[in-house]
């Protein structure tokens, strides 16, 4: 029996016919929604208005990667060493 006759014979069942119709409606509605959303103008606010930045506060004393006080650097190295030793004991990472 050709495939087209099997399809027609399958659609003679009321449950199968209902399923096919509902599935078809869902597909059509999905396509309509996708097409209508695709035609809309993008809602990208950054493309419409420029971004604005604020000034850097004047009371910042140290910037990461910049020159830091010697005492701070020593304390940081000491803490890193302590965490590394603890990580070796626990067999974990020291981050």
C-alpha atoms as a PDB file:
ATOM      1  CA  UNK A   1       0.000   0.000   0.000  1.00  0.00           C
ATOM      2  CA  UNK A   2       1.458   3.424  -0.928  1.00  0.00           C
ATOM      3  CA  UNK A   3       2.423   5.815   1.871  1.00  0.00           C
ATOM      4  CA  UNK A   4      -0.231   8.372   0.935  1.00  0.00           C
ATOM      5  CA  UNK A   5      -2.984   5.770   1.433  1.00  0.00           C
ATOM      6  CA  UNK A   6      -1.522   4.798   4.830  1.00  0.00           C
ATOM      7  CA  UNK A   7      -1.594   8.456   5.859  1.00  0.00           C
ATOM      8  CA  UNK A   8      -5.210   8.866   4.748  1.00  0.00           C
ATOM      9  CA  UNK A   9      -6.167   5.634   6.499  1.00  0.00           C
ATOM     10  CA  UNK A  10      -4.456   6.848   9.672  1.00  0.00           C
ATOM     11  CA  UNK A  11      -6.408  10.118   9.557  1.00  0.00           C
ATOM     12  CA  UNK A  12      -9.689   8.225   9.586  1.00  0.00           C
ATOM     13  CA  UNK A  13      -9.095   7.602  13.300  1.00  0.00           C
ATOM     14  CA  UNK A  14     -10.634  10.491  15.303  1.00  0.00           C
ATOM     15  CA  UNK A  15      -7.857  10.631  17.912  1.00  0.00           C
ATOM     16  CA  UNK A  16      -5.118  10.651  15.297  1.00  0.00           C
ATOM     17  CA  UNK A  17      -6.926  13.291  13.239  1.00  0.00           C
ATOM     18  CA  UNK A  18      -7.307  15.521  16.337  1.00  0.00           C
ATOM     19  CA  UNK A  19      -3.626  15.117  17.155  1.00  0.00           C
ATOM     20  CA  UNK A  20      -2.539  16.021  13.610  1.00  0.00           C
ATOM     21  CA  UNK A  21      -4.832  19.074  13.511  1.00  0.00           C
ATOM     22  CA  UNK A  22      -3.615  20.354  16.908  1.00  0.00           C
ATOM     23  CA  UNK A  23       0.002  19.764  15.950  1.00  0.00           C
ATOM     24  CA  UNK A  24      -0.531  21.641  12.691  1.00  0.00           C
ATOM     25  CA  UNK A  25      -2.148  24.571  14.511  1.00  0.00           C
ATOM     26  CA  UNK A  26       0.763  24.742  16.971  1.00  0.00           C
ATOM     27  CA  UNK A  27       3.284  24.776  14.119  1.00  0.00           C
ATOM     28  CA  UNK A  28       1.408  27.501  12.232  1.00  0.00           C
ATOM     29  CA  UNK A  29       1.019  29.676  15.350  1.00  0.00           C
ATOM     30  CA  UNK A  30       4.732  29.244  16.130  1.00  0.00           C
ATOM     31  CA  UNK A  31       5.723  30.306  12.633  1.00  0.00           C
ATOM     32  CA  UNK A  32       3.411  33.350  12.768  1.00  0.00           C
ATOM     33  CA  UNK A  33       4.880  34.437  16.121  1.00  0.00           C
ATOM     34  CA  UNK A  34       8.450  33.943  14.898  1.00  0.00           C
ATOM     35  CA  UNK A  35       7.839  35.954  11.732  1.00  0.00           C
ATOM     36  CA  UNK A  36       6.050  38.778  13.556  1.00  0.00           C
ATOM     37  CA  UNK A  37       8.827  39.080  16.162  1.00  0.00           C
ATOM     38  CA  UNK A  38      11.481  38.965  13.470  1.00  0.00           C
ATOM     39  CA  UNK A  39      10.024  41.978  11.692  1.00  0.00           C
ATOM     40  CA  UNK A  40       9.985  44.193  14.790  1.00  0.00           C
ATOM     41  CA  UNK A  41      12.706  46.734  15.393  1.00  0.00           C
ATOM     42  CA  UNK A  42      15.268  45.463  17.903  1.00  0.00           C
ATOM     43  CA  UNK A  43      14.754  46.777  21.441  1.00  0.00           C
ATOM     44  CA  UNK A  44      18.453  47.344  22.005  1.00  0.00           C
ATOM     45  CA  UNK A  45      18.669  50.445  24.161  1.00  0.00           C
ATOM     46  CA  UNK A  46      22.435  50.798  23.699  1.00  0.00           C
ATOM     47  CA  UNK A  47      22.061  51.271  19.962  1.00  0.00           C
ATOM     48  CA  UNK A  48      19.639  54.163  20.556  1.00  0.00           C
ATOM     49  CA  UNK A  49      21.375  56.026  23.386  1.00  0.00           C
ATOM     50  CA  UNK A  50      25.045  56.285  24.281  1.00  0.00           C
ATOM     51  CA  UNK A  51      26.327  54.974  27.591  1.00  0.00           C
ATOM     52  CA  UNK A  52      27.372  57.345  30.337  1.00  0.00           C
ATOM     53  CA  UNK A  53      30.235  56.831  32.752  1.00  0.00           C
ATOM     54  CA  UNK A  54      30.938  58.461  36.064  1.00  0.00           C
ATOM     55  CA  UNK A  55      34.218  59.907  37.239  1.00  0.00           C
ATOM     56  CA  UNK A  56      36.694  57.973  39.352  1.00  0.00           C
ATOM     57  CA  UNK A  57      36.507  58.804  43.066  1.00  0.00           C
ATOM     58  CA  UNK A  58      39.429  60.900  44.272  1.00  0.00           C
ATOM     59  CA  UNK A  59      39.924  59.009  47.546  1.00  0.00           C
ATOM     60  CA  UNK A  60      41.269  55.777  45.994  1.00  0.00           C
ATOM     61  CA  UNK A  61      44.758  55.098  47.330  1.00  0.00           C
ATOM     62  CA  UNK A  62      45.676  51.788  45.720  1.00  0.00           C
ATOM     63  CA  UNK A  63      44.738  50.289  42.386  1.00  0.00           C
ATOM     64  CA  UNK A  64      45.255  46.548  41.822  1.00  0.00           C
ATOM     65  CA  UNK A  65      48.405  46.049  39.777  1.00  0.00           C
ATOM     66  CA  UNK A  66      49.625  49.553  40.544  1.00  0.00           C
ATOM     67  CA  UNK A  67      52.256  50.503  43.079  1.00  0.00           C
ATOM     68  CA  UNK A  68      51.110  49.349  46.544  1.00  0.00           C
ATOM     69  CA  UNK A  69      52.550  50.073  49.954  1.00  0.00           C
ATOM     70  CA  UNK A  70      55.368  47.704  50.999  1.00  0.00           C
ATOM     71  CA  UNK A  71      53.538  46.623  54.165  1.00  0.00           C
ATOM     72  CA  UNK A  72      50.454  45.623  52.164  1.00  0.00           C
ATOM     73  CA  UNK A  73      52.552  43.603  49.727  1.00  0.00           C
ATOM     74  CA  UNK A  74      54.297  41.774  52.588  1.00  0.00           C
ATOM     75  CA  UNK A  75      51.011  40.986  54.311  1.00  0.00           C
ATOM     76  CA  UNK A  76      49.570  39.712  51.041  1.00  0.00           C
ATOM     77  CA  UNK A  77      52.565  37.435  50.435  1.00  0.00           C
ATOM     78  CA  UNK A  78      52.337  36.143  53.995  1.00  0.00           C
ATOM     79  CA  UNK A  79      48.630  35.361  53.588  1.00  0.00           C
ATOM     80  CA  UNK A  80      49.264  33.641  50.251  1.00  0.00           C
ATOM     81  CA  UNK A  81      51.959  31.493  51.835  1.00  0.00           C
ATOM     82  CA  UNK A  82      49.663  30.547  54.735  1.00  0.00           C
ATOM     83  CA  UNK A  83      46.841  29.601  52.376  1.00  0.00           C
ATOM     84  CA  UNK A  84      49.239  27.565  50.225  1.00  0.00           C
ATOM     85  CA  UNK A  85      50.440  25.609  53.270  1.00  0.00           C
ATOM     86  CA  UNK A  86      46.853  24.936  54.372  1.00  0.00           C
ATOM     87  CA  UNK A  87      45.966  23.815  50.863  1.00  0.00           C
ATOM     88  CA  UNK A  88      48.881  21.366  50.838  1.00  0.00           C
ATOM     89  CA  UNK A  89      47.717  19.886  54.136  1.00  0.00           C
ATOM     90  CA  UNK A  90      44.089  19.584  52.982  1.00  0.00           C
ATOM     91  CA  UNK A  91      45.048  18.666  49.402  1.00  0.00           C
ATOM     92  CA  UNK A  92      42.861  21.422  47.987  1.00  0.00           C
ATOM     93  CA  UNK A  93      43.445  24.602  45.975  1.00  0.00           C
ATOM     94  CA  UNK A  94      44.501  27.878  47.553  1.00  0.00           C
ATOM     95  CA  UNK A  95      42.687  30.629  45.740  1.00  0.00           C
END
